[in-house]
Full PDB file with SEQRES, HELIX, SHEET, SSBOND, CRYST1, ORIGX, SCALE, CONECT and MASTER records, all heavy atoms in Angstrom:
SEQRES   1 A   32  TRP LEU ALA THR LEU ALA THR ALA LEU SER LEU ILE LEU          
SEQRES   2 A   32  GLY THR ALA ALA SER TYR ALA LEU HIS HIS ARG LEU ILE          
SEQRES   3 A   32  PRO GLY ARG ASP ALA ILE                                      
HELIX    1 AA1 LEU A    2  HIS A   22  1                                  21    
CRYST1    1.000    1.000    1.000  90.00  90.00  90.00 P 1           1          
ORIGX1      1.000000  0.000000  0.000000        0.00000                         
ORIGX2      0.000000  1.000000  0.000000        0.00000                         
ORIGX3      0.000000  0.000000  1.000000        0.00000                         
SCALE1      1.000000  0.000000  0.000000        0.00000                         
SCALE2      0.000000  1.000000  0.000000        0.00000                         
SCALE3      0.000000  0.000000  1.000000        0.00000                         
ATOM      1  N   TRP A   1      49.822 -41.796  59.201  1.00  0.00           N  
ATOM      2  CA  TRP A   1      49.530 -42.641  60.362  1.00  0.00           C  
ATOM      3  C   TRP A   1      50.505 -42.349  61.496  1.00  0.00           C  
ATOM      4  O   TRP A   1      50.101 -42.246  62.669  1.00  0.00           O  
ATOM      5  CB  TRP A   1      49.597 -44.119  59.983  1.00  0.00           C  
ATOM      6  CG  TRP A   1      48.307 -44.678  59.478  1.00  0.00           C  
ATOM      7  CD1 TRP A   1      48.004 -45.060  58.208  1.00  0.00           C  
ATOM      8  CD2 TRP A   1      47.121 -44.924  60.250  1.00  0.00           C  
ATOM      9  NE1 TRP A   1      46.718 -45.511  58.133  1.00  0.00           N  
ATOM     10  CE2 TRP A   1      46.146 -45.438  59.371  1.00  0.00           C  
ATOM     11  CE3 TRP A   1      46.786 -44.744  61.588  1.00  0.00           C  
ATOM     12  CZ2 TRP A   1      44.870 -45.786  59.796  1.00  0.00           C  
ATOM     13  CZ3 TRP A   1      45.518 -45.083  62.019  1.00  0.00           C  
ATOM     14  CH2 TRP A   1      44.579 -45.602  61.124  1.00  0.00           C  
ATOM     15  N   LEU A   2      51.755 -42.232  61.160  1.00  0.00           N  
ATOM     16  CA  LEU A   2      52.781 -41.972  62.171  1.00  0.00           C  
ATOM     17  C   LEU A   2      52.545 -40.631  62.858  1.00  0.00           C  
ATOM     18  O   LEU A   2      52.578 -40.535  64.095  1.00  0.00           O  
ATOM     19  CB  LEU A   2      54.163 -42.013  61.524  1.00  0.00           C  
ATOM     20  CG  LEU A   2      55.360 -41.693  62.419  1.00  0.00           C  
ATOM     21  CD1 LEU A   2      55.430 -42.677  63.582  1.00  0.00           C  
ATOM     22  CD2 LEU A   2      56.652 -41.739  61.605  1.00  0.00           C  
ATOM     23  N   ALA A   3      52.304 -39.596  62.064  1.00  0.00           N  
ATOM     24  CA  ALA A   3      52.089 -38.266  62.631  1.00  0.00           C  
ATOM     25  C   ALA A   3      50.815 -38.220  63.474  1.00  0.00           C  
ATOM     26  O   ALA A   3      50.785 -37.598  64.543  1.00  0.00           O  
ATOM     27  CB  ALA A   3      52.025 -37.229  61.511  1.00  0.00           C  
ATOM     28  N   THR A   4      49.762 -38.892  63.016  1.00  0.00           N  
ATOM     29  CA  THR A   4      48.495 -38.898  63.754  1.00  0.00           C  
ATOM     30  C   THR A   4      48.630 -39.611  65.094  1.00  0.00           C  
ATOM     31  O   THR A   4      48.193 -39.096  66.141  1.00  0.00           O  
ATOM     32  CB  THR A   4      47.394 -39.572  62.920  1.00  0.00           C  
ATOM     33  OG1 THR A   4      47.226 -38.856  61.685  1.00  0.00           O  
ATOM     34  CG2 THR A   4      46.077 -39.577  63.670  1.00  0.00           C  
ATOM     35  N   LEU A   5      49.240 -40.796  65.086  1.00  0.00           N  
ATOM     36  CA  LEU A   5      49.393 -41.554  66.331  1.00  0.00           C  
ATOM     37  C   LEU A   5      50.345 -40.846  67.297  1.00  0.00           C  
ATOM     38  O   LEU A   5      50.084 -40.786  68.507  1.00  0.00           O  
ATOM     39  CB  LEU A   5      49.914 -42.959  66.017  1.00  0.00           C  
ATOM     40  CG  LEU A   5      48.948 -43.860  65.235  1.00  0.00           C  
ATOM     41  CD1 LEU A   5      49.632 -45.176  64.868  1.00  0.00           C  
ATOM     42  CD2 LEU A   5      47.679 -44.126  66.035  1.00  0.00           C  
ATOM     43  N   ALA A   6      51.444 -40.314  66.765  1.00  0.00           N  
ATOM     44  CA  ALA A   6      52.400 -39.610  67.625  1.00  0.00           C  
ATOM     45  C   ALA A   6      51.774 -38.361  68.230  1.00  0.00           C  
ATOM     46  O   ALA A   6      51.990 -38.050  69.403  1.00  0.00           O  
ATOM     47  CB  ALA A   6      53.650 -39.242  66.830  1.00  0.00           C  
ATOM     48  N   THR A   7      50.981 -37.638  67.441  1.00  0.00           N  
ATOM     49  CA  THR A   7      50.318 -36.437  67.947  1.00  0.00           C  
ATOM     50  C   THR A   7      49.296 -36.786  69.020  1.00  0.00           C  
ATOM     51  O   THR A   7      49.209 -36.116  70.056  1.00  0.00           O  
ATOM     52  CB  THR A   7      49.637 -35.679  66.796  1.00  0.00           C  
ATOM     53  OG1 THR A   7      50.622 -35.298  65.823  1.00  0.00           O  
ATOM     54  CG2 THR A   7      48.920 -34.440  67.303  1.00  0.00           C  
ATOM     55  N   ALA A   8      48.512 -37.838  68.777  1.00  0.00           N  
ATOM     56  CA  ALA A   8      47.525 -38.260  69.772  1.00  0.00           C  
ATOM     57  C   ALA A   8      48.202 -38.646  71.086  1.00  0.00           C  
ATOM     58  O   ALA A   8      47.745 -38.260  72.176  1.00  0.00           O  
ATOM     59  CB  ALA A   8      46.705 -39.424  69.233  1.00  0.00           C  
ATOM     60  N   LEU A   9      49.301 -39.398  70.989  1.00  0.00           N  
ATOM     61  CA  LEU A   9      50.013 -39.817  72.193  1.00  0.00           C  
ATOM     62  C   LEU A   9      50.626 -38.625  72.918  1.00  0.00           C  
ATOM     63  O   LEU A   9      50.552 -38.523  74.155  1.00  0.00           O  
ATOM     64  CB  LEU A   9      51.091 -40.834  71.824  1.00  0.00           C  
ATOM     65  CG  LEU A   9      51.887 -41.448  72.979  1.00  0.00           C  
ATOM     66  CD1 LEU A   9      50.948 -42.145  73.961  1.00  0.00           C  
ATOM     67  CD2 LEU A   9      52.921 -42.433  72.444  1.00  0.00           C  
ATOM     68  N   SER A  10      51.232 -37.707  72.167  1.00  0.00           N  
ATOM     69  CA  SER A  10      51.843 -36.532  72.797  1.00  0.00           C  
ATOM     70  C   SER A  10      50.793 -35.619  73.418  1.00  0.00           C  
ATOM     71  O   SER A  10      51.045 -34.980  74.444  1.00  0.00           O  
ATOM     72  CB  SER A  10      52.682 -35.755  71.774  1.00  0.00           C  
ATOM     73  OG  SER A  10      51.886 -35.261  70.718  1.00  0.00           O  
ATOM     74  N   LEU A  11      49.584 -35.560  72.830  1.00  0.00           N  
ATOM     75  CA  LEU A  11      48.510 -34.758  73.414  1.00  0.00           C  
ATOM     76  C   LEU A  11      48.049 -35.347  74.747  1.00  0.00           C  
ATOM     77  O   LEU A  11      47.823 -34.617  75.718  1.00  0.00           O  
ATOM     78  CB  LEU A  11      47.337 -34.656  72.445  1.00  0.00           C  
ATOM     79  CG  LEU A  11      47.454 -33.631  71.323  1.00  0.00           C  
ATOM     80  CD1 LEU A  11      46.301 -33.779  70.334  1.00  0.00           C  
ATOM     81  CD2 LEU A  11      47.472 -32.213  71.880  1.00  0.00           C  
ATOM     82  N   ILE A  12      47.898 -36.668  74.772  1.00  0.00           N  
ATOM     83  CA  ILE A  12      47.461 -37.319  76.017  1.00  0.00           C  
ATOM     84  C   ILE A  12      48.517 -37.135  77.111  1.00  0.00           C  
ATOM     85  O   ILE A  12      48.213 -36.695  78.233  1.00  0.00           O  
ATOM     86  CB  ILE A  12      47.189 -38.806  75.768  1.00  0.00           C  
ATOM     87  CG1 ILE A  12      46.003 -38.979  74.815  1.00  0.00           C  
ATOM     88  CG2 ILE A  12      46.919 -39.533  77.090  1.00  0.00           C  
ATOM     89  CD1 ILE A  12      45.790 -40.406  74.349  1.00  0.00           C  
ATOM     90  N   LEU A  13      49.758 -37.476  76.791  1.00  0.00           N  
ATOM     91  CA  LEU A  13      50.823 -37.364  77.789  1.00  0.00           C  
ATOM     92  C   LEU A  13      51.118 -35.906  78.133  1.00  0.00           C  
ATOM     93  O   LEU A  13      51.342 -35.567  79.305  1.00  0.00           O  
ATOM     94  CB  LEU A  13      52.092 -38.044  77.262  1.00  0.00           C  
ATOM     95  CG  LEU A  13      52.004 -39.550  76.995  1.00  0.00           C  
ATOM     96  CD1 LEU A  13      53.315 -40.068  76.422  1.00  0.00           C  
ATOM     97  CD2 LEU A  13      51.648 -40.301  78.268  1.00  0.00           C  
ATOM     98  N   GLY A  14      51.106 -35.040  77.119  1.00  0.00           N  
ATOM     99  CA  GLY A  14      51.432 -33.636  77.355  1.00  0.00           C  
ATOM    100  C   GLY A  14      50.390 -32.928  78.194  1.00  0.00           C  
ATOM    101  O   GLY A  14      50.728 -32.106  79.054  1.00  0.00           O  
ATOM    102  N   THR A  15      49.117 -33.241  77.966  1.00  0.00           N  
ATOM    103  CA  THR A  15      48.051 -32.624  78.763  1.00  0.00           C  
ATOM    104  C   THR A  15      48.156 -33.049  80.220  1.00  0.00           C  
ATOM    105  O   THR A  15      48.060 -32.226  81.135  1.00  0.00           O  
ATOM    106  CB  THR A  15      46.673 -33.006  78.203  1.00  0.00           C  
ATOM    107  OG1 THR A  15      46.597 -32.608  76.822  1.00  0.00           O  
ATOM    108  CG2 THR A  15      45.571 -32.321  78.973  1.00  0.00           C  
ATOM    109  N   ALA A  16      48.357 -34.345  80.437  1.00  0.00           N  
ATOM    110  CA  ALA A  16      48.489 -34.841  81.814  1.00  0.00           C  
ATOM    111  C   ALA A  16      49.720 -34.253  82.499  1.00  0.00           C  
ATOM    112  O   ALA A  16      49.660 -33.819  83.663  1.00  0.00           O  
ATOM    113  CB  ALA A  16      48.561 -36.369  81.802  1.00  0.00           C  
ATOM    114  N   ALA A  17      50.840 -34.223  81.780  1.00  0.00           N  
ATOM    115  CA  ALA A  17      52.072 -33.684  82.365  1.00  0.00           C  
ATOM    116  C   ALA A  17      51.937 -32.198  82.667  1.00  0.00           C  
ATOM    117  O   ALA A  17      52.371 -31.728  83.728  1.00  0.00           O  
ATOM    118  CB  ALA A  17      53.241 -33.927  81.413  1.00  0.00           C  
ATOM    119  N   SER A  18      51.335 -31.451  81.754  1.00  0.00           N  
ATOM    120  CA  SER A  18      51.178 -30.008  81.947  1.00  0.00           C  
ATOM    121  C   SER A  18      50.314 -29.710  83.164  1.00  0.00           C  
ATOM    122  O   SER A  18      50.620 -28.826  83.968  1.00  0.00           O  
ATOM    123  CB  SER A  18      50.562 -29.373  80.702  1.00  0.00           C  
ATOM    124  OG  SER A  18      51.359 -29.606  79.576  1.00  0.00           O  
ATOM    125  N   TYR A  19      49.224 -30.457  83.304  1.00  0.00           N  
ATOM    126  CA  TYR A  19      48.313 -30.236  84.437  1.00  0.00           C  
ATOM    127  C   TYR A  19      49.021 -30.551  85.753  1.00  0.00           C  
ATOM    128  O   TYR A  19      48.906 -29.793  86.727  1.00  0.00           O  
ATOM    129  CB  TYR A  19      47.074 -31.111  84.269  1.00  0.00           C  
ATOM    130  CG  TYR A  19      45.985 -30.837  85.270  1.00  0.00           C  
ATOM    131  CD1 TYR A  19      45.082 -29.804  85.066  1.00  0.00           C  
ATOM    132  CD2 TYR A  19      45.865 -31.607  86.431  1.00  0.00           C  
ATOM    133  CE1 TYR A  19      44.069 -29.544  85.987  1.00  0.00           C  
ATOM    134  CE2 TYR A  19      44.864 -31.352  87.354  1.00  0.00           C  
ATOM    135  CZ  TYR A  19      43.970 -30.326  87.127  1.00  0.00           C  
ATOM    136  OH  TYR A  19      42.984 -30.059  88.044  1.00  0.00           O  
ATOM    137  N   ALA A  20      49.741 -31.656  85.780  1.00  0.00           N  
ATOM    138  CA  ALA A  20      50.444 -32.042  87.009  1.00  0.00           C  
ATOM    139  C   ALA A  20      51.554 -31.052  87.346  1.00  0.00           C  
ATOM    140  O   ALA A  20      51.740 -30.680  88.513  1.00  0.00           O  
ATOM    141  CB  ALA A  20      51.018 -33.453  86.859  1.00  0.00           C  
ATOM    142  N   LEU A  21      52.292 -30.607  86.333  1.00  0.00           N  
ATOM    143  CA  LEU A  21      53.384 -29.663  86.584  1.00  0.00           C  
ATOM    144  C   LEU A  21      52.856 -28.290  86.985  1.00  0.00           C  
ATOM    145  O   LEU A  21      53.417 -27.629  87.863  1.00  0.00           O  
ATOM    146  CB  LEU A  21      54.250 -29.540  85.325  1.00  0.00           C  
ATOM    147  CG  LEU A  21      55.065 -30.778  84.948  1.00  0.00           C  
ATOM    148  CD1 LEU A  21      55.719 -30.604  83.591  1.00  0.00           C  
ATOM    149  CD2 LEU A  21      56.128 -31.067  86.014  1.00  0.00           C  
ATOM    150  N   HIS A  22      51.766 -27.868  86.355  1.00  0.00           N  
ATOM    151  CA  HIS A  22      51.217 -26.544  86.658  1.00  0.00           C  
ATOM    152  C   HIS A  22      50.676 -26.485  88.083  1.00  0.00           C  
ATOM    153  O   HIS A  22      50.853 -25.477  88.781  1.00  0.00           O  
ATOM    154  CB  HIS A  22      50.102 -26.194  85.666  1.00  0.00           C  
ATOM    155  CG  HIS A  22      49.435 -24.884  85.951  1.00  0.00           C  
ATOM    156  ND1 HIS A  22      50.045 -23.671  85.698  1.00  0.00           N  
ATOM    157  CD2 HIS A  22      48.212 -24.585  86.482  1.00  0.00           C  
ATOM    158  CE1 HIS A  22      49.229 -22.685  86.043  1.00  0.00           C  
ATOM    159  NE2 HIS A  22      48.126 -23.211  86.524  1.00  0.00           N  
ATOM    160  N   HIS A  23      50.022 -27.559  88.511  1.00  0.00           N  
ATOM    161  CA  HIS A  23      49.454 -27.594  89.865  1.00  0.00           C  
ATOM    162  C   HIS A  23      50.436 -28.155  90.891  1.00  0.00           C  
ATOM    163  O   HIS A  23      50.049 -28.347  92.052  1.00  0.00           O  
ATOM    164  CB  HIS A  23      48.169 -28.427  89.871  1.00  0.00           C  
ATOM    165  CG  HIS A  23      47.029 -27.771  89.157  1.00  0.00           C  
ATOM    166  ND1 HIS A  23      46.897 -27.786  87.780  1.00  0.00           N  
ATOM    167  CD2 HIS A  23      45.965 -27.064  89.627  1.00  0.00           C  
ATOM    168  CE1 HIS A  23      45.795 -27.136  87.433  1.00  0.00           C  
ATOM    169  NE2 HIS A  23      45.222 -26.684  88.527  1.00  0.00           N  
ATOM    170  N   ARG A  24      51.672 -28.417  90.444  1.00  0.00           N  
ATOM    171  CA  ARG A  24      52.731 -28.914  91.330  1.00  0.00           C  
ATOM    172  C   ARG A  24      52.271 -30.162  92.097  1.00  0.00           C  
ATOM    173  O   ARG A  24      52.418 -30.268  93.324  1.00  0.00           O  
ATOM    174  CB  ARG A  24      53.175 -27.824  92.302  1.00  0.00           C  
ATOM    175  CG  ARG A  24      53.722 -26.592  91.605  1.00  0.00           C  
ATOM    176  CD  ARG A  24      54.188 -25.535  92.581  1.00  0.00           C  
ATOM    177  NE  ARG A  24      54.674 -24.366  91.878  1.00  0.00           N  
ATOM    178  CZ  ARG A  24      55.902 -24.207  91.405  1.00  0.00           C  
ATOM    179  NH1 ARG A  24      56.787 -25.187  91.575  1.00  0.00           N  
ATOM    180  NH2 ARG A  24      56.255 -23.105  90.777  1.00  0.00           N  
ATOM    181  N   LEU A  25      51.682 -31.099  91.337  1.00  0.00           N  
ATOM    182  CA  LEU A  25      51.179 -32.329  91.944  1.00  0.00           C  
ATOM    183  C   LEU A  25      52.280 -33.370  92.117  1.00  0.00           C  
ATOM    184  O   LEU A  25      52.064 -34.400  92.770  1.00  0.00           O  
ATOM    185  CB  LEU A  25      50.050 -32.915  91.086  1.00  0.00           C  
ATOM    186  CG  LEU A  25      48.831 -32.010  90.878  1.00  0.00           C  
ATOM    187  CD1 LEU A  25      47.825 -32.690  89.964  1.00  0.00           C  
ATOM    188  CD2 LEU A  25      48.187 -31.660  92.220  1.00  0.00           C  
ATOM    189  N   ILE A  26      53.445 -33.141  91.526  1.00  0.00           N  
ATOM    190  CA  ILE A  26      54.553 -34.083  91.620  1.00  0.00           C  
ATOM    191  C   ILE A  26      55.815 -33.325  92.009  1.00  0.00           C  
ATOM    192  O   ILE A  26      55.981 -32.149  91.647  1.00  0.00           O  
ATOM    193  CB  ILE A  26      54.774 -34.834  90.284  1.00  0.00           C  
ATOM    194  CG1 ILE A  26      54.867 -33.838  89.113  1.00  0.00           C  
ATOM    195  CG2 ILE A  26      53.681 -35.843  90.032  1.00  0.00           C  
ATOM    196  CD1 ILE A  26      55.121 -34.489  87.780  1.00  0.00           C  
ATOM    197  N   PRO A  27      56.714 -33.966  92.758  1.00  0.00           N  
ATOM    198  CA  PRO A  27      57.965 -33.299  93.147  1.00  0.00           C  
ATOM    199  C   PRO A  27      58.934 -33.203  91.962  1.00  0.00           C  
ATOM    200  O   PRO A  27      58.798 -33.917  90.973  1.00  0.00           O  
ATOM    201  CB  PRO A  27      58.513 -34.199  94.253  1.00  0.00           C  
ATOM    202  CG  PRO A  27      57.955 -35.555  93.939  1.00  0.00           C  
ATOM    203  CD  PRO A  27      56.594 -35.310  93.353  1.00  0.00           C  
ATOM    204  N   GLY A  28      59.916 -32.332  92.101  1.00  0.00           N  
ATOM    205  CA  GLY A  28      60.932 -32.192  91.062  1.00  0.00           C  
ATOM    206  C   GLY A  28      60.406 -31.557  89.793  1.00  0.00           C  
ATOM    207  O   GLY A  28      60.752 -31.980  88.693  1.00  0.00           O  
ATOM    208  N   ARG A  29      59.562 -30.541  89.941  1.00  0.00           N  
ATOM    209  CA  ARG A  29      58.892 -29.917  88.792  1.00  0.00           C  
ATOM    210  C   ARG A  29      59.905 -29.397  87.769  1.00  0.00           C  
ATOM    211  O   ARG A  29      59.784 -29.664  86.564  1.00  0.00           O  
ATOM    212  CB  ARG A  29      58.001 -28.776  89.268  1.00  0.00           C  
ATOM    213  CG  ARG A  29      57.303 -28.009  88.151  1.00  0.00           C  
ATOM    214  CD  ARG A  29      56.483 -26.875  88.726  1.00  0.00           C  
ATOM    215  NE  ARG A  29      55.732 -26.179  87.694  1.00  0.00           N  
ATOM    216  CZ  ARG A  29      56.219 -25.195  86.947  1.00  0.00           C  
ATOM    217  NH1 ARG A  29      57.480 -24.811  87.120  1.00  0.00           N  
ATOM    218  NH2 ARG A  29      55.447 -24.617  86.031  1.00  0.00           N  
ATOM    219  N   ASP A  30      60.907 -28.668  88.228  1.00  0.00           N  
ATOM    220  CA  ASP A  30      61.872 -28.069  87.306  1.00  0.00           C  
ATOM    221  C   ASP A  30      62.689 -29.131  86.571  1.00  0.00           C  
ATOM    222  O   ASP A  30      62.952 -28.997  85.365  1.00  0.00           O  
ATOM    223  CB  ASP A  30      62.810 -27.120  88.067  1.00  0.00           C  
ATOM    224  CG  ASP A  30      62.078 -25.898  88.611  1.00  0.00           C  
ATOM    225  OD1 ASP A  30      61.007 -25.572  88.067  1.00  0.00           O  
ATOM    226  OD2 ASP A  30      62.578 -25.287  89.567  1.00  0.00           O  
ATOM    227  N   ALA A  31      63.077 -30.178  87.282  1.00  0.00           N  
ATOM    228  CA  ALA A  31      63.866 -31.243  86.658  1.00  0.00           C  
ATOM    229  C   ALA A  31      63.046 -31.970  85.603  1.00  0.00           C  
ATOM    230  O   ALA A  31      63.537 -32.276  84.508  1.00  0.00           O  
ATOM    231  CB  ALA A  31      64.369 -32.215  87.717  1.00  0.00           C  
ATOM    232  N   ILE A  32      61.782 -32.264  85.910  1.00  0.00           N  
ATOM    233  CA  ILE A  32      60.920 -32.951  84.957  1.00  0.00           C  
ATOM    234  C   ILE A  32      60.657 -32.072  83.748  1.00  0.00           C  
ATOM    235  O   ILE A  32      60.660 -32.544  82.594  1.00  0.00           O  
ATOM    236  CB  ILE A  32      59.597 -33.358  85.639  1.00  0.00           C  
ATOM    237  CG1 ILE A  32      59.863 -34.378  86.737  1.00  0.00           C  
ATOM    238  CG2 ILE A  32      58.612 -33.922  84.615  1.00  0.00           C  
ATOM    239  CD1 ILE A  32      58.645 -34.737  87.549  1.00  0.00           C  
TER     240      ILE A  32                                                      
MASTER        0    0    0    1    0    0    0    6  239    1    0    3          
END                                                                             
């Protein structure tokens, strides 16, 4: 349960973060 929930959460957050960082939609890309 722990691994499944943590993976699901990291996939949601990681996908959003990757897309924003790749397209430089937010400032401070390198720091983030």
